[in-house]
């Protein structure tokens, strides 16, 4: 079965950058779609970004446009979310999802942005 492996917990200061990764481990098929949702404690889960195979479609939450860049490396079977100019409001648990015949979810990566 496919196992979603995400990069680990990260603390970063506002204005800084980090890159999240999400790998489809054990897959014999290419990733059709990959992306992230995030959720802060006590708040609703919200869409962040996603990308389809061949980058045919790319979508971003309005508040991260121009700061976040999502990409998909077919050879590594891994997606990346480059996050620049991070804001305190970006703090939350980031959950990677990917679609390979069905949807799979990662266990989440805690991203904490502080002053």
PDB file of N, CA and C in Angstrom:
ATOM      1  N   UNK A   1       0.823  -1.177   0.000  1.00  0.00           N
ATOM      2  CA  UNK A   1       0.000   0.000   0.000  1.00  0.00           C
ATOM      3  C   UNK A   1       0.872   1.248   0.000  1.00  0.00           C
ATOM      4  N   UNK A   2       0.276   2.352  -0.395  1.00  0.00           N
ATOM      5  CA  UNK A   2       0.984   3.622  -0.416  1.00  0.00           C
ATOM      6  C   UNK A   2       1.045   4.190   0.991  1.00  0.00           C
ATOM      7  N   UNK A   3       2.227   4.625   1.389  1.00  0.00           N
ATOM      8  CA  UNK A   3       2.432   5.275   2.673  1.00  0.00           C
ATOM      9  C   UNK A   3       2.925   6.687   2.413  1.00  0.00           C
ATOM     10  N   UNK A   4       2.239   7.670   2.978  1.00  0.00           N
ATOM     11  CA  UNK A   4       2.587   9.066   2.774  1.00  0.00           C
ATOM     12  C   UNK A   4       3.579   9.487   3.839  1.00  0.00           C
ATOM     13  N   UNK A   5       4.767   9.898   3.407  1.00  0.00           N
ATOM     14  CA  UNK A   5       5.828  10.297   4.315  1.00  0.00           C
ATOM     15  C   UNK A   5       6.053  11.793   4.191  1.00  0.00           C
ATOM     16  N   UNK A   6       5.882  12.514   5.284  1.00  0.00           N
ATOM     17  CA  UNK A   6       6.028  13.958   5.296  1.00  0.00           C
ATOM     18  C   UNK A   6       7.267  14.368   6.075  1.00  0.00           C
ATOM     19  N   UNK A   7       7.795  15.543   5.757  1.00  0.00           N
ATOM     20  CA  UNK A   7       8.914  16.089   6.494  1.00  0.00           C
ATOM     21  C   UNK A   7       8.485  16.429   7.914  1.00  0.00           C
ATOM     22  N   UNK A   8       9.470  16.600   8.813  1.00  0.00           N
ATOM     23  CA  UNK A   8       9.193  16.722  10.227  1.00  0.00           C
ATOM     24  C   UNK A   8       8.825  18.119  10.695  1.00  0.00           C
ATOM     25  N   UNK A   9       8.492  18.187  11.982  1.00  0.00           N
ATOM     26  CA  UNK A   9       8.087  19.424  12.641  1.00  0.00           C
ATOM     27  C   UNK A   9       9.141  20.514  12.478  1.00  0.00           C
ATOM     28  N   UNK A  10       8.675  21.737  12.253  1.00  0.00           N
ATOM     29  CA  UNK A  10       9.579  22.849  11.993  1.00  0.00           C
ATOM     30  C   UNK A  10       9.129  24.102  12.726  1.00  0.00           C
ATOM     31  N   UNK A  11      10.088  24.787  13.342  1.00  0.00           N
ATOM     32  CA  UNK A  11       9.870  26.098  13.926  1.00  0.00           C
ATOM     33  C   UNK A  11      10.674  27.105  13.120  1.00  0.00           C
ATOM     34  N   UNK A  12      10.059  28.231  12.801  1.00  0.00           N
ATOM     35  CA  UNK A  12      10.723  29.236  11.983  1.00  0.00           C
ATOM     36  C   UNK A  12      10.215  30.615  12.381  1.00  0.00           C
ATOM     37  N   UNK A  13      11.070  31.616  12.254  1.00  0.00           N
ATOM     38  CA  UNK A  13      10.664  32.982  12.560  1.00  0.00           C
ATOM     39  C   UNK A  13       9.916  33.600  11.391  1.00  0.00           C
ATOM     40  N   UNK A  14       9.047  34.535  11.706  1.00  0.00           N
ATOM     41  CA  UNK A  14       8.318  35.256  10.671  1.00  0.00           C
ATOM     42  C   UNK A  14       9.294  35.880   9.686  1.00  0.00           C
ATOM     43  N   UNK A  15       8.962  35.786   8.407  1.00  0.00           N
ATOM     44  CA  UNK A  15       9.838  36.274   7.361  1.00  0.00           C
ATOM     45  C   UNK A  15      10.792  35.226   6.828  1.00  0.00           C
ATOM     46  N   UNK A  16      10.892  34.115   7.513  1.00  0.00           N
ATOM     47  CA  UNK A  16      11.778  33.045   7.096  1.00  0.00           C
ATOM     48  C   UNK A  16      11.147  32.124   6.078  1.00  0.00           C
ATOM     49  N   UNK A  17      11.888  31.084   5.725  1.00  0.00           N
ATOM     50  CA  UNK A  17      11.454  30.139   4.705  1.00  0.00           C
ATOM     51  C   UNK A  17      11.669  28.711   5.156  1.00  0.00           C
ATOM     52  N   UNK A  18      10.898  27.808   4.587  1.00  0.00           N
ATOM     53  CA  UNK A  18      11.120  26.388   4.775  1.00  0.00           C
ATOM     54  C   UNK A  18      10.478  25.640   3.619  1.00  0.00           C
ATOM     55  N   UNK A  19      10.869  24.390   3.477  1.00  0.00           N
ATOM     56  CA  UNK A  19      10.310  23.548   2.419  1.00  0.00           C
ATOM     57  C   UNK A  19       9.765  22.260   3.024  1.00  0.00           C
ATOM     58  N   UNK A  20       8.495  22.015   2.789  1.00  0.00           N
ATOM     59  CA  UNK A  20       7.874  20.769   3.194  1.00  0.00           C
ATOM     60  C   UNK A  20       7.979  19.755   2.068  1.00  0.00           C
ATOM     61  N   UNK A  21       8.081  18.500   2.418  1.00  0.00           N
ATOM     62  CA  UNK A  21       8.100  17.440   1.423  1.00  0.00           C
ATOM     63  C   UNK A  21       7.046  16.397   1.745  1.00  0.00           C
ATOM     64  N   UNK A  22       6.615  15.711   0.708  1.00  0.00           N
ATOM     65  CA  UNK A  22       5.601  14.674   0.851  1.00  0.00           C
ATOM     66  C   UNK A  22       5.893  13.598  -0.182  1.00  0.00           C
ATOM     67  N   UNK A  23       6.176  12.396   0.285  1.00  0.00           N
ATOM     68  CA  UNK A  23       6.579  11.304  -0.592  1.00  0.00           C
ATOM     69  C   UNK A  23       5.553  10.175  -0.575  1.00  0.00           C
ATOM     70  N   UNK A  24       5.232   9.668  -1.756  1.00  0.00           N
ATOM     71  CA  UNK A  24       4.372   8.499  -1.883  1.00  0.00           C
ATOM     72  C   UNK A  24       5.257   7.265  -1.858  1.00  0.00           C
ATOM     73  N   UNK A  25       5.442   6.712  -0.679  1.00  0.00           N
ATOM     74  CA  UNK A  25       6.302   5.555  -0.512  1.00  0.00           C
ATOM     75  C   UNK A  25       5.556   4.272  -0.859  1.00  0.00           C
ATOM     76  N   UNK A  26       6.217   3.406  -1.610  1.00  0.00           N
ATOM     77  CA  UNK A  26       5.633   2.118  -1.949  1.00  0.00           C
ATOM     78  C   UNK A  26       4.680   2.133  -3.119  1.00  0.00           C
ATOM     79  N   UNK A  27       4.641   3.224  -3.855  1.00  0.00           N
ATOM     80  CA  UNK A  27       3.732   3.332  -4.986  1.00  0.00           C
ATOM     81  C   UNK A  27       4.390   2.844  -6.262  1.00  0.00           C
ATOM     82  N   UNK A  28       3.631   2.091  -7.040  1.00  0.00           N
ATOM     83  CA  UNK A  28       4.073   1.661  -8.360  1.00  0.00           C
ATOM     84  C   UNK A  28       3.427   2.486  -9.470  1.00  0.00           C
ATOM     85  N   UNK A  29       2.669   3.483  -9.078  1.00  0.00           N
ATOM     86  CA  UNK A  29       1.979   4.338 -10.024  1.00  0.00           C
ATOM     87  C   UNK A  29       2.321   5.792  -9.739  1.00  0.00           C
ATOM     88  N   UNK A  30       2.247   6.648 -10.752  1.00  0.00           N
ATOM     89  CA  UNK A  30       2.580   8.057 -10.540  1.00  0.00           C
ATOM     90  C   UNK A  30       1.498   8.772  -9.741  1.00  0.00           C
ATOM     91  N   UNK A  31       1.900   9.826  -9.064  1.00  0.00           N
ATOM     92  CA  UNK A  31       0.965  10.661  -8.327  1.00  0.00           C
ATOM     93  C   UNK A  31       0.120  11.451  -9.313  1.00  0.00           C
ATOM     94  N   UNK A  32      -1.191  11.385  -9.154  1.00  0.00           N
ATOM     95  CA  UNK A  32      -2.096  12.127 -10.012  1.00  0.00           C
ATOM     96  C   UNK A  32      -2.280  13.552  -9.498  1.00  0.00           C
ATOM     97  N   UNK A  33      -2.449  13.686  -8.208  1.00  0.00           N
ATOM     98  CA  UNK A  33      -2.631  14.974  -7.567  1.00  0.00           C
ATOM     99  C   UNK A  33      -1.951  14.950  -6.202  1.00  0.00           C
ATOM    100  N   UNK A  34      -1.362  16.060  -5.816  1.00  0.00           N
ATOM    101  CA  UNK A  34      -0.730  16.173  -4.503  1.00  0.00           C
ATOM    102  C   UNK A  34      -0.937  17.589  -3.975  1.00  0.00           C
ATOM    103  N   UNK A  35      -1.117  17.712  -2.666  1.00  0.00           N
ATOM    104  CA  UNK A  35      -1.276  19.041  -2.097  1.00  0.00           C
ATOM    105  C   UNK A  35      -1.267  19.024  -0.591  1.00  0.00           C
ATOM    106  N   UNK A  36      -1.571  20.174  -0.017  1.00  0.00           N
ATOM    107  CA  UNK A  36      -1.598  20.332   1.440  1.00  0.00           C
ATOM    108  C   UNK A  36      -2.834  21.073   1.899  1.00  0.00           C
ATOM    109  N   UNK A  37      -3.346  20.635   3.035  1.00  0.00           N
ATOM    110  CA  UNK A  37      -4.275  21.386   3.839  1.00  0.00           C
ATOM    111  C   UNK A  37      -3.572  21.711   5.156  1.00  0.00           C
ATOM    112  N   UNK A  38      -4.061  22.719   5.865  1.00  0.00           N
ATOM    113  CA  UNK A  38      -3.495  23.032   7.163  1.00  0.00           C
ATOM    114  C   UNK A  38      -4.608  23.338   8.148  1.00  0.00           C
ATOM    115  N   UNK A  39      -4.291  23.181   9.427  1.00  0.00           N
ATOM    116  CA  UNK A  39      -5.276  23.400  10.470  1.00  0.00           C
ATOM    117  C   UNK A  39      -4.602  23.888  11.742  1.00  0.00           C
ATOM    118  N   UNK A  40      -5.069  25.012  12.244  1.00  0.00           N
ATOM    119  CA  UNK A  40      -4.627  25.523  13.526  1.00  0.00           C
ATOM    120  C   UNK A  40      -5.567  25.000  14.611  1.00  0.00           C
ATOM    121  N   UNK A  41      -5.088  24.862  15.856  1.00  0.00           N
ATOM    122  CA  UNK A  41      -5.945  24.360  16.927  1.00  0.00           C
ATOM    123  C   UNK A  41      -7.229  25.170  17.073  1.00  0.00           C
ATOM    124  N   UNK A  42      -8.349  24.469  17.117  1.00  0.00           N
ATOM    125  CA  UNK A  42      -9.632  25.120  17.277  1.00  0.00           C
ATOM    126  C   UNK A  42     -10.182  25.777  16.028  1.00  0.00           C
ATOM    127  N   UNK A  43      -9.510  25.601  14.899  1.00  0.00           N
ATOM    128  CA  UNK A  43      -9.950  26.217  13.657  1.00  0.00           C
ATOM    129  C   UNK A  43     -10.239  25.161  12.597  1.00  0.00           C
ATOM    130  N   UNK A  44     -10.945  25.573  11.568  1.00  0.00           N
ATOM    131  CA  UNK A  44     -11.281  24.680  10.478  1.00  0.00           C
ATOM    132  C   UNK A  44     -10.058  24.380   9.619  1.00  0.00           C
ATOM    133  N   UNK A  45     -10.030  23.174   9.089  1.00  0.00           N
ATOM    134  CA  UNK A  45      -9.001  22.823   8.124  1.00  0.00           C
ATOM    135  C   UNK A  45      -9.193  23.649   6.858  1.00  0.00           C
ATOM    136  N   UNK A  46      -8.102  24.137   6.284  1.00  0.00           N
ATOM    137  CA  UNK A  46      -8.195  24.961   5.102  1.00  0.00           C
ATOM    138  C   UNK A  46      -7.215  24.495   4.029  1.00  0.00           C
ATOM    139  N   UNK A  47      -7.646  24.640   2.805  1.00  0.00           N
ATOM    140  CA  UNK A  47      -6.820  24.306   1.661  1.00  0.00           C
ATOM    141  C   UNK A  47      -5.647  25.267   1.546  1.00  0.00           C
ATOM    142  N   UNK A  48      -4.476  24.737   1.197  1.00  0.00           N
ATOM    143  CA  UNK A  48      -3.287  25.561   1.026  1.00  0.00           C
ATOM    144  C   UNK A  48      -2.853  25.597  -0.438  1.00  0.00           C
ATOM    145  N   UNK A  49      -2.605  24.433  -1.017  1.00  0.00           N
ATOM    146  CA  UNK A  49      -2.129  24.365  -2.393  1.00  0.00           C
ATOM    147  C   UNK A  49      -2.253  22.945  -2.910  1.00  0.00           C
ATOM    148  N   UNK A  50      -2.350  22.802  -4.219  1.00  0.00           N
ATOM    149  CA  UNK A  50      -2.300  21.487  -4.826  1.00  0.00           C
ATOM    150  C   UNK A  50      -1.756  21.569  -6.242  1.00  0.00           C
ATOM    151  N   UNK A  51      -1.381  20.423  -6.764  1.00  0.00           N
ATOM    152  CA  UNK A  51      -0.795  20.339  -8.094  1.00  0.00           C
ATOM    153  C   UNK A  51      -1.147  18.993  -8.706  1.00  0.00           C
ATOM    154  N   UNK A  52      -1.394  18.984 -10.002  1.00  0.00           N
ATOM    155  CA  UNK A  52      -1.711  17.752 -10.708  1.00  0.00           C
ATOM    156  C   UNK A  52      -0.525  17.288 -11.535  1.00  0.00           C
ATOM    157  N   UNK A  53      -0.560  16.037 -11.934  1.00  0.00           N
ATOM    158  CA  UNK A  53       0.491  15.443 -12.745  1.00  0.00           C
ATOM    159  C   UNK A  53       0.773  16.301 -13.968  1.00  0.00           C
ATOM    160  N   UNK A  54       2.047  16.576 -14.197  1.00  0.00           N
ATOM    161  CA  UNK A  54       2.435  17.414 -15.314  1.00  0.00           C
ATOM    162  C   UNK A  54       2.168  18.884 -15.083  1.00  0.00           C
ATOM    163  N   UNK A  55       1.776  19.242 -13.864  1.00  0.00           N
ATOM    164  CA  UNK A  55       1.476  20.630 -13.495  1.00  0.00           C
ATOM    165  C   UNK A  55       0.386  21.215 -14.385  1.00  0.00           C
ATOM    166  N   UNK A  56      -0.538  20.364 -14.822  1.00  0.00           N
ATOM    167  CA  UNK A  56      -1.643  20.834 -15.649  1.00  0.00           C
ATOM    168  C   UNK A  56      -2.506  21.834 -14.888  1.00  0.00           C
ATOM    169  N   UNK A  57      -2.680  21.578 -13.590  1.00  0.00           N
ATOM    170  CA  UNK A  57      -3.443  22.481 -12.740  1.00  0.00           C
ATOM    171  C   UNK A  57      -2.664  22.719 -11.459  1.00  0.00           C
ATOM    172  N   UNK A  58      -2.579  23.972 -11.047  1.00  0.00           N
ATOM    173  CA  UNK A  58      -1.954  24.363  -9.796  1.00  0.00           C
ATOM    174  C   UNK A  58      -2.870  25.359  -9.107  1.00  0.00           C
ATOM    175  N   UNK A  59      -3.117  25.137  -7.842  1.00  0.00           N
ATOM    176  CA  UNK A  59      -3.981  26.037  -7.104  1.00  0.00           C
ATOM    177  C   UNK A  59      -3.382  26.431  -5.766  1.00  0.00           C
ATOM    178  N   UNK A  60      -3.680  27.655  -5.332  1.00  0.00           N
ATOM    179  CA  UNK A  60      -3.187  28.176  -4.063  1.00  0.00           C
ATOM    180  C   UNK A  60      -4.299  28.899  -3.321  1.00  0.00           C
ATOM    181  N   UNK A  61      -4.241  28.810  -2.015  1.00  0.00           N
ATOM    182  CA  UNK A  61      -5.054  29.671  -1.189  1.00  0.00           C
ATOM    183  C   UNK A  61      -4.613  31.110  -1.437  1.00  0.00           C
ATOM    184  N   UNK A  62      -5.558  32.037  -1.488  1.00  0.00           N
ATOM    185  CA  UNK A  62      -5.241  33.416  -1.831  1.00  0.00           C
ATOM    186  C   UNK A  62      -4.152  34.012  -0.934  1.00  0.00           C
ATOM    187  N   UNK A  63      -4.184  33.719   0.341  1.00  0.00           N
ATOM    188  CA  UNK A  63      -3.260  34.340   1.276  1.00  0.00           C
ATOM    189  C   UNK A  63      -1.820  33.848   1.146  1.00  0.00           C
ATOM    190  N   UNK A  64      -1.599  32.765   0.394  1.00  0.00           N
ATOM    191  CA  UNK A  64      -0.238  32.257   0.219  1.00  0.00           C
ATOM    192  C   UNK A  64       0.292  32.487  -1.187  1.00  0.00           C
ATOM    193  N   UNK A  65      -0.529  33.010  -2.070  1.00  0.00           N
ATOM    194  CA  UNK A  65      -0.088  33.278  -3.436  1.00  0.00           C
ATOM    195  C   UNK A  65       1.082  34.257  -3.435  1.00  0.00           C
ATOM    196  N   UNK A  66       2.098  33.940  -4.212  1.00  0.00           N
ATOM    197  CA  UNK A  66       3.286  34.772  -4.269  1.00  0.00           C
ATOM    198  C   UNK A  66       4.305  34.449  -3.207  1.00  0.00           C
ATOM    199  N   UNK A  67       3.918  33.654  -2.201  1.00  0.00           N
ATOM    200  CA  UNK A  67       4.834  33.273  -1.133  1.00  0.00           C
ATOM    201  C   UNK A  67       5.140  31.782  -1.136  1.00  0.00           C
ATOM    202  N   UNK A  68       4.166  30.962  -1.496  1.00  0.00           N
ATOM    203  CA  UNK A  68       4.331  29.508  -1.515  1.00  0.00           C
ATOM    204  C   UNK A  68       4.416  29.017  -2.950  1.00  0.00           C
ATOM    205  N   UNK A  69       5.221  27.987  -3.163  1.00  0.00           N
ATOM    206  CA  UNK A  69       5.338  27.359  -4.465  1.00  0.00           C
ATOM    207  C   UNK A  69       5.274  25.851  -4.304  1.00  0.00           C
ATOM    208  N   UNK A  70       4.326  25.223  -4.969  1.00  0.00           N
ATOM    209  CA  UNK A  70       4.193  23.781  -4.908  1.00  0.00           C
ATOM    210  C   UNK A  70       4.778  23.163  -6.167  1.00  0.00           C
ATOM    211  N   UNK A  71       5.416  22.016  -6.022  1.00  0.00           N
ATOM    212  CA  UNK A  71       6.023  21.332  -7.156  1.00  0.00           C
ATOM    213  C   UNK A  71       5.911  19.830  -6.962  1.00  0.00           C
ATOM    214  N   UNK A  72       6.106  19.098  -8.050  1.00  0.00           N
ATOM    215  CA  UNK A  72       5.999  17.645  -8.018  1.00  0.00           C
ATOM    216  C   UNK A  72       7.172  17.055  -8.782  1.00  0.00           C
ATOM    217  N   UNK A  73       7.942  16.215  -8.123  1.00  0.00           N
ATOM    218  CA  UNK A  73       9.091  15.553  -8.726  1.00  0.00           C
ATOM    219  C   UNK A  73       8.695  14.110  -9.024  1.00  0.00           C
ATOM    220  N   UNK A  74       8.445  13.810 -10.289  1.00  0.00           N
ATOM    221  CA  UNK A  74       7.978  12.480 -10.668  1.00  0.00           C
ATOM    222  C   UNK A  74       9.029  11.404 -10.391  1.00  0.00           C
ATOM    223  N   UNK A  75      10.299  11.724 -10.628  1.00  0.00           N
ATOM    224  CA  UNK A  75      11.369  10.754 -10.424  1.00  0.00           C
ATOM    225  C   UNK A  75      11.478  10.331  -8.964  1.00  0.00           C
ATOM    226  N   UNK A  76      11.288  11.282  -8.059  1.00  0.00           N
ATOM    227  CA  UNK A  76      11.368  11.001  -6.630  1.00  0.00           C
ATOM    228  C   UNK A  76      10.024  10.636  -6.031  1.00  0.00           C
ATOM    229  N   UNK A  77       8.968  10.743  -6.833  1.00  0.00           N
ATOM    230  CA  UNK A  77       7.612  10.473  -6.365  1.00  0.00           C
ATOM    231  C   UNK A  77       7.306  11.315  -5.128  1.00  0.00           C
ATOM    232  N   UNK A  78       7.729  12.566  -5.193  1.00  0.00           N
ATOM    233  CA  UNK A  78       7.664  13.459  -4.051  1.00  0.00           C
ATOM    234  C   UNK A  78       7.168  14.838  -4.450  1.00  0.00           C
ATOM    235  N   UNK A  79       6.333  15.420  -3.610  1.00  0.00           N
ATOM    236  CA  UNK A  79       5.896  16.783  -3.788  1.00  0.00           C
ATOM    237  C   UNK A  79       6.568  17.689  -2.781  1.00  0.00           C
ATOM    238  N   UNK A  80       6.689  18.956  -3.132  1.00  0.00           N
ATOM    239  CA  UNK A  80       7.331  19.928  -2.267  1.00  0.00           C
ATOM    240  C   UNK A  80       6.480  21.183  -2.169  1.00  0.00           C
ATOM    241  N   UNK A  81       6.499  21.784  -1.004  1.00  0.00           N
ATOM    242  CA  UNK A  81       5.861  23.072  -0.793  1.00  0.00           C
ATOM    243  C   UNK A  81       6.915  24.026  -0.260  1.00  0.00           C
ATOM    244  N   UNK A  82       7.411  24.891  -1.139  1.00  0.00           N
ATOM    245  CA  UNK A  82       8.373  25.910  -0.745  1.00  0.00           C
ATOM    246  C   UNK A  82       7.602  27.080  -0.150  1.00  0.00           C
ATOM    247  N   UNK A  83       7.911  27.419   1.084  1.00  0.00           N
ATOM    248  CA  UNK A  83       7.191  28.446   1.819  1.00  0.00           C
ATOM    249  C   UNK A  83       8.158  29.581   2.147  1.00  0.00           C
ATOM    250  N   UNK A  84       7.910  30.745   1.562  1.00  0.00           N
ATOM    251  CA  UNK A  84       8.759  31.912   1.763  1.00  0.00           C
ATOM    252  C   UNK A  84       7.974  33.024   2.457  1.00  0.00           C
ATOM    253  N   UNK A  85       8.719  33.937   3.067  1.00  0.00           N
ATOM    254  CA  UNK A  85       8.107  35.071   3.764  1.00  0.00           C
ATOM    255  C   UNK A  85       6.980  34.613   4.682  1.00  0.00           C
ATOM    256  N   UNK A  86       7.295  33.658   5.530  1.00  0.00           N
ATOM    257  CA  UNK A  86       6.283  33.077   6.410  1.00  0.00           C
ATOM    258  C   UNK A  86       5.735  34.090   7.402  1.00  0.00           C
ATOM    259  N   UNK A  87       4.451  33.957   7.679  1.00  0.00           N
ATOM    260  CA  UNK A  87       3.751  34.820   8.607  1.00  0.00           C
ATOM    261  C   UNK A  87       3.237  33.998   9.782  1.00  0.00           C
ATOM    262  N   UNK A  88       2.969  34.680  10.894  1.00  0.00           N
ATOM    263  CA  UNK A  88       2.448  33.993  12.069  1.00  0.00           C
ATOM    264  C   UNK A  88       1.162  33.251  11.727  1.00  0.00           C
ATOM    265  N   UNK A  89       0.365  33.830  10.842  1.00  0.00           N
ATOM    266  CA  UNK A  89      -0.894  33.218  10.439  1.00  0.00           C
ATOM    267  C   UNK A  89      -0.709  31.898   9.694  1.00  0.00           C
ATOM    268  N   UNK A  90       0.514  31.604   9.263  1.00  0.00           N
ATOM    269  CA  UNK A  90       0.785  30.346   8.575  1.00  0.00           C
ATOM    270  C   UNK A  90       0.969  29.182   9.538  1.00  0.00           C
ATOM    271  N   UNK A  91       1.016  29.460  10.820  1.00  0.00           N
ATOM    272  CA  UNK A  91       1.189  28.415  11.821  1.00  0.00           C
ATOM    273  C   UNK A  91       0.047  27.404  11.766  1.00  0.00           C
ATOM    274  N   UNK A  92       0.393  26.136  11.847  1.00  0.00           N
ATOM    275  CA  UNK A  92      -0.620  25.105  11.861  1.00  0.00           C
ATOM    276  C   UNK A  92      -0.040  23.743  11.548  1.00  0.00           C
ATOM    277  N   UNK A  93      -0.896  22.745  11.616  1.00  0.00           N
ATOM    278  CA  UNK A  93      -0.530  21.399  11.208  1.00  0.00           C
ATOM    279  C   UNK A  93      -0.809  21.255   9.720  1.00  0.00           C
ATOM    280  N   UNK A  94       0.212  20.934   8.975  1.00  0.00           N
ATOM    281  CA  UNK A  94       0.092  20.808   7.527  1.00  0.00           C
ATOM    282  C   UNK A  94      -0.048  19.341   7.153  1.00  0.00           C
ATOM    283  N   UNK A  95      -1.138  19.020   6.473  1.00  0.00           N
ATOM    284  CA  UNK A  95      -1.442  17.648   6.096  1.00  0.00           C
ATOM    285  C   UNK A  95      -1.321  17.485   4.590  1.00  0.00           C
ATOM    286  N   UNK A  96      -0.426  16.634   4.176  1.00  0.00           N
ATOM    287  CA  UNK A  96      -0.272  16.334   2.762  1.00  0.00           C
ATOM    288  C   UNK A  96      -1.311  15.303   2.330  1.00  0.00           C
ATOM    289  N   UNK A  97      -1.869  15.511   1.161  1.00  0.00           N
ATOM    290  CA  UNK A  97      -2.723  14.504   0.552  1.00  0.00           C
ATOM    291  C   UNK A  97      -2.223  14.219  -0.854  1.00  0.00           C
ATOM    292  N   UNK A  98      -2.467  13.013  -1.316  1.00  0.00           N
ATOM    293  CA  UNK A  98      -2.128  12.674  -2.685  1.00  0.00           C
ATOM    294  C   UNK A  98      -3.119  11.659  -3.221  1.00  0.00           C
ATOM    295  N   UNK A  99      -3.269  11.665  -4.526  1.00  0.00           N
ATOM    296  CA  UNK A  99      -4.229  10.782  -5.174  1.00  0.00           C
ATOM    297  C   UNK A  99      -3.502   9.850  -6.120  1.00  0.00           C
ATOM    298  N   UNK A 100      -3.599   8.565  -5.838  1.00  0.00           N
ATOM    299  CA  UNK A 100      -3.135   7.493  -6.713  1.00  0.00           C
ATOM    300  C   UNK A 100      -4.230   6.443  -6.696  1.00  0.00           C
ATOM    301  N   UNK A 101      -5.175   6.584  -7.598  1.00  0.00           N
ATOM    302  CA  UNK A 101      -6.365   5.737  -7.664  1.00  0.00           C
ATOM    303  C   UNK A 101      -7.339   5.984  -6.506  1.00  0.00           C
ATOM    304  N   UNK A 102      -6.846   6.475  -5.409  1.00  0.00           N
ATOM    305  CA  UNK A 102      -7.627   6.879  -4.257  1.00  0.00           C
ATOM    306  C   UNK A 102      -6.831   7.941  -3.508  1.00  0.00           C
ATOM    307  N   UNK A 103      -7.457   8.579  -2.543  1.00  0.00           N
ATOM    308  CA  UNK A 103      -6.806   9.635  -1.786  1.00  0.00           C
ATOM    309  C   UNK A 103      -6.107   9.070  -0.557  1.00  0.00           C
ATOM    310  N   UNK A 104      -4.877   9.505  -0.340  1.00  0.00           N
ATOM    311  CA  UNK A 104      -4.096   9.152   0.836  1.00  0.00           C
ATOM    312  C   UNK A 104      -3.736  10.427   1.583  1.00  0.00           C
ATOM    313  N   UNK A 105      -3.626  10.315   2.902  1.00  0.00           N
ATOM    314  CA  UNK A 105      -3.288  11.452   3.750  1.00  0.00           C
ATOM    315  C   UNK A 105      -2.060  11.162   4.596  1.00  0.00           C
ATOM    316  N   UNK A 106      -1.226  12.177   4.763  1.00  0.00           N
ATOM    317  CA  UNK A 106      -0.125  12.089   5.696  1.00  0.00           C
ATOM    318  C   UNK A 106      -0.608  12.349   7.109  1.00  0.00           C
ATOM    319  N   UNK A 107       0.258  12.105   8.077  1.00  0.00           N
ATOM    320  CA  UNK A 107      -0.107  12.277   9.483  1.00  0.00           C
ATOM    321  C   UNK A 107       0.024  13.713   9.964  1.00  0.00           C
ATOM    322  N   UNK A 108       0.610  14.564   9.151  1.00  0.00           N
ATOM    323  CA  UNK A 108       0.692  15.970   9.478  1.00  0.00           C
ATOM    324  C   UNK A 108       2.068  16.410   9.922  1.00  0.00           C
ATOM    325  N   UNK A 109       2.404  17.635   9.590  1.00  0.00           N
ATOM    326  CA  UNK A 109       3.648  18.269   9.994  1.00  0.00           C
ATOM    327  C   UNK A 109       3.323  19.580  10.687  1.00  0.00           C
ATOM    328  N   UNK A 110       3.785  19.728  11.909  1.00  0.00           N
ATOM    329  CA  UNK A 110       3.545  20.964  12.646  1.00  0.00           C
ATOM    330  C   UNK A 110       4.525  22.037  12.198  1.00  0.00           C
ATOM    331  N   UNK A 111       3.989  23.150  11.747  1.00  0.00           N
ATOM    332  CA  UNK A 111       4.783  24.310  11.368  1.00  0.00           C
ATOM    333  C   UNK A 111       4.416  25.449  12.301  1.00  0.00           C
ATOM    334  N   UNK A 112       5.404  25.956  13.015  1.00  0.00           N
ATOM    335  CA  UNK A 112       5.179  27.045  13.955  1.00  0.00           C
ATOM    336  C   UNK A 112       6.003  28.253  13.528  1.00  0.00           C
ATOM    337  N   UNK A 113       5.314  29.347  13.272  1.00  0.00           N
ATOM    338  CA  UNK A 113       5.960  30.593  12.867  1.00  0.00           C
ATOM    339  C   UNK A 113       5.843  31.576  14.023  1.00  0.00           C
ATOM    340  N   UNK A 114       6.955  32.112  14.456  1.00  0.00           N
ATOM    341  CA  UNK A 114       6.978  33.013  15.602  1.00  0.00           C
ATOM    342  C   UNK A 114       7.680  34.312  15.260  1.00  0.00           C
ATOM    343  N   UNK A 115       7.500  35.316  16.137  1.00  0.00           N
ATOM    344  CA  UNK A 115       8.217  36.577  15.983  1.00  0.00           C
ATOM    345  C   UNK A 115       9.642  36.427  16.463  1.00  0.00           C
TER     346      UNK A 115
END
